Amino acid sequence: MLVLLMFSGAASAHSCVLPLPDGGEDHPSPPSLKGKILSASPKQVVIQTTDDRVPRPVNIALDTELYTVYGGGFEPEALRAGQHAIIWFRGCTKPKEGTPVAAVLQLCSLAAEPCSS
C-alpha cells in the first residue's frame, strides 16, 4: 500500500496540465516555449524564443490544439512569420531526441502582435 501511494504521488508531481481554449478551472503547466514565429508551415514552426532568442523548430501534429489566447481556434495554414506564440509540448517536456511536437500552440493574435503582459 505504501509503495502504491509513493508512485501515485510521484506521478502527480510531474503532471502536465494543458491550457483550455476558453480558460478553465485548472491552472495550466508553465509553457514549454514562448517566442516569435520566424517561419511557419502547416506541419512545423520555427520559434525565436523570448528567453535565449535561439531559433527552435516545433512540429505541428494533426492533434495539436491551435487557438488564440482569447480562445478562438484556427487552422495550421493561418500560421505566419511574425506571430507571437506560446507552446506546450506533448507531456510538457522537450523530448531527449528529435524535434518536439506541440500539444497546444496559442497565438497572441492572428496578426503579428505580441502578447499583452
N, C-alpha and C. Protein backbone atom coordinates (compact mmCIF):
# COMPACT_ATOMS: atom_id res chain seq x y z
N MET A 1 0.82 -1.19 0.00
CA MET A 1 0.00 0.00 0.00
C MET A 1 0.87 1.25 0.00
N LEU A 2 1.92 1.27 0.80
CA LEU A 2 2.81 2.42 0.87
C LEU A 2 3.49 2.66 -0.48
N VAL A 3 3.89 1.59 -1.15
CA VAL A 3 4.54 1.72 -2.45
C VAL A 3 3.57 2.35 -3.45
N LEU A 4 2.33 1.94 -3.44
CA LEU A 4 1.33 2.49 -4.34
C LEU A 4 1.16 3.99 -4.10
N LEU A 5 1.12 4.42 -2.86
CA LEU A 5 0.99 5.83 -2.55
C LEU A 5 2.21 6.62 -3.00
N MET A 6 3.39 6.03 -2.86
CA MET A 6 4.61 6.71 -3.30
C MET A 6 4.59 6.92 -4.80
N PHE A 7 4.19 5.89 -5.57
CA PHE A 7 4.15 6.02 -7.02
C PHE A 7 3.07 7.00 -7.44
N SER A 8 1.95 6.99 -6.77
CA SER A 8 0.87 7.90 -7.13
C SER A 8 1.27 9.34 -6.86
N GLY A 9 2.01 9.61 -5.79
CA GLY A 9 2.49 10.95 -5.50
C GLY A 9 3.53 11.39 -6.51
N ALA A 10 4.40 10.48 -6.92
CA ALA A 10 5.42 10.82 -7.90
C ALA A 10 4.80 11.15 -9.24
N ALA A 11 3.76 10.43 -9.62
CA ALA A 11 3.10 10.69 -10.90
C ALA A 11 2.44 12.05 -10.91
N SER A 12 1.81 12.44 -9.81
CA SER A 12 1.12 13.72 -9.79
C SER A 12 2.09 14.88 -9.71
N ALA A 13 3.30 14.65 -9.19
CA ALA A 13 4.29 15.72 -9.10
C ALA A 13 4.76 16.15 -10.49
N HIS A 14 4.67 15.27 -11.47
CA HIS A 14 5.13 15.57 -12.82
C HIS A 14 3.98 15.62 -13.82
N SER A 15 2.79 15.99 -13.38
CA SER A 15 1.65 16.01 -14.28
C SER A 15 1.75 17.20 -15.22
N CYS A 16 1.16 17.05 -16.37
CA CYS A 16 1.16 18.08 -17.39
C CYS A 16 -0.28 18.55 -17.58
N VAL A 17 -0.55 19.80 -17.25
CA VAL A 17 -1.89 20.35 -17.41
C VAL A 17 -1.85 21.35 -18.55
N LEU A 18 -2.53 21.00 -19.64
CA LEU A 18 -2.55 21.87 -20.81
C LEU A 18 -3.65 22.92 -20.65
N PRO A 19 -3.44 24.10 -21.24
CA PRO A 19 -4.48 25.13 -21.16
C PRO A 19 -5.70 24.74 -21.98
N LEU A 20 -6.85 25.26 -21.60
CA LEU A 20 -8.09 25.03 -22.33
C LEU A 20 -8.38 26.25 -23.19
N PRO A 21 -9.01 26.06 -24.36
CA PRO A 21 -9.25 27.20 -25.25
C PRO A 21 -9.99 28.37 -24.61
N ASP A 22 -10.94 28.12 -23.78
CA ASP A 22 -11.70 29.20 -23.16
C ASP A 22 -11.46 29.29 -21.66
N GLY A 23 -10.23 28.99 -21.26
CA GLY A 23 -9.91 29.03 -19.84
C GLY A 23 -10.43 27.79 -19.15
N GLY A 24 -10.43 27.79 -17.87
CA GLY A 24 -10.93 26.64 -17.13
C GLY A 24 -10.54 26.74 -15.68
N GLU A 25 -10.96 25.76 -14.94
CA GLU A 25 -10.73 25.73 -13.50
C GLU A 25 -9.28 25.40 -13.15
N ASP A 26 -8.66 24.50 -13.92
CA ASP A 26 -7.29 24.09 -13.63
C ASP A 26 -6.30 25.15 -14.11
N HIS A 27 -5.21 25.28 -13.39
CA HIS A 27 -4.14 26.17 -13.81
C HIS A 27 -3.18 25.36 -14.68
N PRO A 28 -2.92 25.83 -15.91
CA PRO A 28 -2.05 25.05 -16.78
C PRO A 28 -0.60 25.04 -16.31
N SER A 29 0.11 24.03 -16.75
CA SER A 29 1.55 23.95 -16.50
C SER A 29 2.22 25.12 -17.20
N PRO A 30 3.42 25.51 -16.78
CA PRO A 30 4.12 26.58 -17.49
C PRO A 30 4.35 26.18 -18.95
N PRO A 31 4.30 27.14 -19.86
CA PRO A 31 4.53 26.80 -21.27
C PRO A 31 5.95 26.27 -21.48
N SER A 32 6.09 25.45 -22.50
CA SER A 32 7.39 24.89 -22.85
C SER A 32 8.25 25.91 -23.59
N LEU A 33 7.60 26.82 -24.30
CA LEU A 33 8.31 27.75 -25.17
C LEU A 33 7.44 28.97 -25.43
N LYS A 34 8.06 30.14 -25.46
CA LYS A 34 7.38 31.38 -25.86
C LYS A 34 8.28 32.10 -26.83
N GLY A 35 7.70 32.74 -27.83
CA GLY A 35 8.53 33.50 -28.74
C GLY A 35 7.80 33.92 -29.99
N LYS A 36 8.58 34.36 -30.95
CA LYS A 36 8.08 34.88 -32.21
C LYS A 36 8.33 33.86 -33.31
N ILE A 37 7.34 33.63 -34.15
CA ILE A 37 7.48 32.68 -35.25
C ILE A 37 8.38 33.29 -36.32
N LEU A 38 9.47 32.59 -36.64
CA LEU A 38 10.38 33.02 -37.71
C LEU A 38 9.95 32.48 -39.06
N SER A 39 9.47 31.23 -39.06
CA SER A 39 8.95 30.61 -40.29
C SER A 39 7.85 29.64 -39.89
N ALA A 40 6.91 29.42 -40.82
CA ALA A 40 5.77 28.56 -40.49
C ALA A 40 5.29 27.80 -41.71
N SER A 41 4.89 26.58 -41.46
CA SER A 41 4.18 25.75 -42.43
C SER A 41 3.11 25.02 -41.63
N PRO A 42 2.15 24.38 -42.29
CA PRO A 42 1.13 23.66 -41.52
C PRO A 42 1.67 22.54 -40.64
N LYS A 43 2.91 22.08 -40.89
CA LYS A 43 3.47 20.97 -40.12
C LYS A 43 4.59 21.36 -39.16
N GLN A 44 5.10 22.61 -39.27
CA GLN A 44 6.20 23.00 -38.39
C GLN A 44 6.32 24.52 -38.31
N VAL A 45 6.69 24.99 -37.12
CA VAL A 45 7.05 26.39 -36.94
C VAL A 45 8.48 26.43 -36.39
N VAL A 46 9.16 27.53 -36.66
CA VAL A 46 10.46 27.80 -36.05
C VAL A 46 10.25 29.04 -35.20
N ILE A 47 10.53 28.91 -33.91
CA ILE A 47 10.28 29.97 -32.93
C ILE A 47 11.60 30.56 -32.47
N GLN A 48 11.68 31.89 -32.47
CA GLN A 48 12.79 32.57 -31.82
C GLN A 48 12.33 32.85 -30.40
N THR A 49 12.94 32.18 -29.44
CA THR A 49 12.46 32.24 -28.06
C THR A 49 12.69 33.61 -27.45
N THR A 50 11.83 33.98 -26.51
CA THR A 50 11.97 35.25 -25.82
C THR A 50 13.08 35.18 -24.78
N ASP A 51 13.37 33.98 -24.26
CA ASP A 51 14.40 33.84 -23.22
C ASP A 51 15.81 33.93 -23.78
N ASP A 52 16.15 33.01 -24.68
CA ASP A 52 17.53 32.98 -25.17
C ASP A 52 17.65 33.37 -26.64
N ARG A 53 16.53 33.69 -27.28
CA ARG A 53 16.48 34.16 -28.66
C ARG A 53 17.10 33.17 -29.66
N VAL A 54 17.07 31.89 -29.30
CA VAL A 54 17.58 30.83 -30.17
C VAL A 54 16.43 30.29 -31.02
N PRO A 55 16.61 30.17 -32.34
CA PRO A 55 15.56 29.57 -33.17
C PRO A 55 15.38 28.09 -32.84
N ARG A 56 14.13 27.70 -32.61
CA ARG A 56 13.84 26.31 -32.25
C ARG A 56 12.67 25.79 -33.11
N PRO A 57 12.87 24.68 -33.82
CA PRO A 57 11.76 24.09 -34.58
C PRO A 57 10.81 23.34 -33.65
N VAL A 58 9.54 23.40 -33.98
CA VAL A 58 8.49 22.67 -33.25
C VAL A 58 7.54 22.09 -34.29
N ASN A 59 7.29 20.79 -34.21
CA ASN A 59 6.37 20.15 -35.15
C ASN A 59 4.92 20.36 -34.73
N ILE A 60 4.06 20.46 -35.72
CA ILE A 60 2.62 20.58 -35.54
C ILE A 60 2.00 19.27 -36.01
N ALA A 61 1.28 18.59 -35.13
CA ALA A 61 0.65 17.31 -35.47
C ALA A 61 -0.85 17.53 -35.78
N LEU A 62 -1.48 16.49 -36.28
CA LEU A 62 -2.91 16.58 -36.56
C LEU A 62 -3.72 16.84 -35.30
N ASP A 63 -3.22 16.36 -34.14
CA ASP A 63 -3.97 16.55 -32.89
C ASP A 63 -3.49 17.76 -32.07
N THR A 64 -2.57 18.56 -32.62
CA THR A 64 -2.14 19.77 -31.92
C THR A 64 -3.32 20.74 -31.84
N GLU A 65 -3.57 21.25 -30.63
CA GLU A 65 -4.65 22.22 -30.45
C GLU A 65 -4.12 23.60 -30.80
N LEU A 66 -4.79 24.27 -31.72
CA LEU A 66 -4.38 25.59 -32.20
C LEU A 66 -5.47 26.60 -31.88
N TYR A 67 -5.15 27.60 -31.08
CA TYR A 67 -6.11 28.66 -30.80
C TYR A 67 -5.40 29.90 -30.30
N THR A 68 -6.10 31.02 -30.34
CA THR A 68 -5.53 32.27 -29.84
C THR A 68 -5.67 32.30 -28.33
N VAL A 69 -4.97 33.23 -27.70
CA VAL A 69 -5.07 33.36 -26.25
C VAL A 69 -6.48 33.76 -25.82
N TYR A 70 -7.29 34.21 -26.79
CA TYR A 70 -8.69 34.59 -26.49
C TYR A 70 -9.64 33.42 -26.66
N GLY A 71 -9.13 32.27 -27.16
CA GLY A 71 -9.94 31.06 -27.23
C GLY A 71 -10.40 30.66 -28.60
N GLY A 72 -10.29 31.53 -29.60
CA GLY A 72 -10.75 31.17 -30.94
C GLY A 72 -9.77 30.25 -31.64
N GLY A 73 -10.29 29.18 -32.22
CA GLY A 73 -9.46 28.22 -32.93
C GLY A 73 -9.08 28.72 -34.32
N PHE A 74 -8.05 28.12 -34.90
CA PHE A 74 -7.64 28.45 -36.26
C PHE A 74 -7.00 27.23 -36.89
N GLU A 75 -6.86 27.27 -38.19
CA GLU A 75 -6.25 26.17 -38.95
C GLU A 75 -4.73 26.39 -39.04
N PRO A 76 -3.95 25.32 -39.20
CA PRO A 76 -2.49 25.47 -39.27
C PRO A 76 -2.03 26.37 -40.43
N GLU A 77 -2.83 26.47 -41.46
CA GLU A 77 -2.46 27.32 -42.61
C GLU A 77 -2.45 28.81 -42.24
N ALA A 78 -3.03 29.17 -41.09
CA ALA A 78 -3.05 30.56 -40.64
C ALA A 78 -1.75 30.96 -39.92
N LEU A 79 -0.87 29.99 -39.66
CA LEU A 79 0.41 30.30 -39.01
C LEU A 79 1.29 31.10 -39.95
N ARG A 80 1.87 32.20 -39.44
CA ARG A 80 2.68 33.10 -40.25
C ARG A 80 3.91 33.58 -39.48
N ALA A 81 4.98 33.87 -40.20
CA ALA A 81 6.15 34.50 -39.59
C ALA A 81 5.72 35.84 -38.99
N GLY A 82 6.28 36.14 -37.82
CA GLY A 82 5.97 37.40 -37.14
C GLY A 82 4.95 37.26 -36.03
N GLN A 83 4.15 36.18 -36.06
CA GLN A 83 3.17 35.98 -34.99
C GLN A 83 3.89 35.58 -33.71
N HIS A 84 3.31 35.93 -32.58
CA HIS A 84 3.88 35.58 -31.28
C HIS A 84 3.12 34.38 -30.74
N ALA A 85 3.87 33.37 -30.28
CA ALA A 85 3.27 32.09 -29.89
C ALA A 85 3.69 31.67 -28.49
N ILE A 86 2.80 30.91 -27.86
CA ILE A 86 3.05 30.24 -26.59
C ILE A 86 2.77 28.77 -26.85
N ILE A 87 3.73 27.91 -26.51
CA ILE A 87 3.63 26.49 -26.89
C ILE A 87 3.84 25.59 -25.68
N TRP A 88 3.01 24.55 -25.60
CA TRP A 88 3.18 23.46 -24.63
C TRP A 88 3.50 22.22 -25.44
N PHE A 89 4.63 21.57 -25.14
CA PHE A 89 5.00 20.33 -25.82
C PHE A 89 4.14 19.18 -25.28
N ARG A 90 4.08 18.11 -26.03
CA ARG A 90 3.44 16.88 -25.53
C ARG A 90 4.14 16.47 -24.26
N GLY A 91 3.38 16.23 -23.20
CA GLY A 91 3.95 15.86 -21.91
C GLY A 91 4.60 17.03 -21.19
N CYS A 92 4.53 18.22 -21.76
CA CYS A 92 5.10 19.45 -21.18
C CYS A 92 6.61 19.42 -21.05
N THR A 93 7.27 18.50 -21.74
CA THR A 93 8.74 18.44 -21.67
C THR A 93 9.30 18.26 -23.08
N LYS A 94 10.51 18.76 -23.28
CA LYS A 94 11.20 18.57 -24.55
C LYS A 94 11.69 17.13 -24.63
N PRO A 95 11.49 16.48 -25.76
CA PRO A 95 11.99 15.11 -25.88
C PRO A 95 13.52 15.08 -25.84
N LYS A 96 14.06 13.96 -25.41
CA LYS A 96 15.52 13.82 -25.34
C LYS A 96 16.14 13.85 -26.74
N GLU A 97 15.40 13.36 -27.72
CA GLU A 97 15.89 13.33 -29.11
C GLU A 97 14.79 13.81 -30.03
N GLY A 98 15.20 14.40 -31.13
CA GLY A 98 14.25 14.80 -32.16
C GLY A 98 13.59 16.15 -31.89
N THR A 99 12.73 16.53 -32.81
CA THR A 99 12.03 17.80 -32.73
C THR A 99 10.80 17.66 -31.85
N PRO A 100 10.60 18.58 -30.92
CA PRO A 100 9.40 18.48 -30.07
C PRO A 100 8.12 18.68 -30.88
N VAL A 101 7.04 18.09 -30.38
CA VAL A 101 5.73 18.21 -31.01
C VAL A 101 4.85 19.05 -30.08
N ALA A 102 4.18 20.03 -30.63
CA ALA A 102 3.29 20.88 -29.85
C ALA A 102 2.01 20.14 -29.51
N ALA A 103 1.65 20.12 -28.24
CA ALA A 103 0.33 19.64 -27.83
C ALA A 103 -0.67 20.78 -27.99
N VAL A 104 -0.23 22.00 -27.59
CA VAL A 104 -1.03 23.21 -27.71
C VAL A 104 -0.14 24.32 -28.25
N LEU A 105 -0.64 25.04 -29.25
CA LEU A 105 0.02 26.24 -29.74
C LEU A 105 -0.99 27.37 -29.68
N GLN A 106 -0.70 28.36 -28.87
CA GLN A 106 -1.56 29.54 -28.76
C GLN A 106 -0.88 30.69 -29.46
N LEU A 107 -1.65 31.46 -30.21
CA LEU A 107 -1.15 32.70 -30.78
C LEU A 107 -1.70 33.86 -29.97
N CYS A 108 -0.89 34.87 -29.80
CA CYS A 108 -1.36 36.06 -29.11
C CYS A 108 -2.40 36.78 -29.97
N SER A 109 -2.23 36.69 -31.27
CA SER A 109 -3.14 37.29 -32.24
C SER A 109 -2.84 36.66 -33.58
N LEU A 110 -3.84 36.60 -34.46
CA LEU A 110 -3.57 36.13 -35.83
C LEU A 110 -2.72 37.15 -36.58
N ALA A 111 -2.74 38.41 -36.12
CA ALA A 111 -1.84 39.44 -36.64
C ALA A 111 -0.51 39.30 -35.89
N ALA A 112 0.51 39.96 -36.37
CA ALA A 112 1.83 39.88 -35.74
C ALA A 112 1.90 40.83 -34.55
N GLU A 113 1.18 40.52 -33.50
CA GLU A 113 1.14 41.35 -32.29
C GLU A 113 1.65 40.55 -31.10
N PRO A 114 2.45 41.18 -30.25
CA PRO A 114 2.93 40.46 -29.05
C PRO A 114 1.80 40.26 -28.04
N CYS A 115 2.02 39.31 -27.15
CA CYS A 115 1.06 39.07 -26.07
C CYS A 115 1.12 40.23 -25.09
N SER A 116 -0.03 40.58 -24.56
CA SER A 116 -0.02 41.60 -23.51
C SER A 116 0.44 40.94 -22.22
N SER A 117 1.06 41.69 -21.39
CA SER A 117 1.62 41.13 -20.14
C SER A 117 0.57 40.83 -19.13
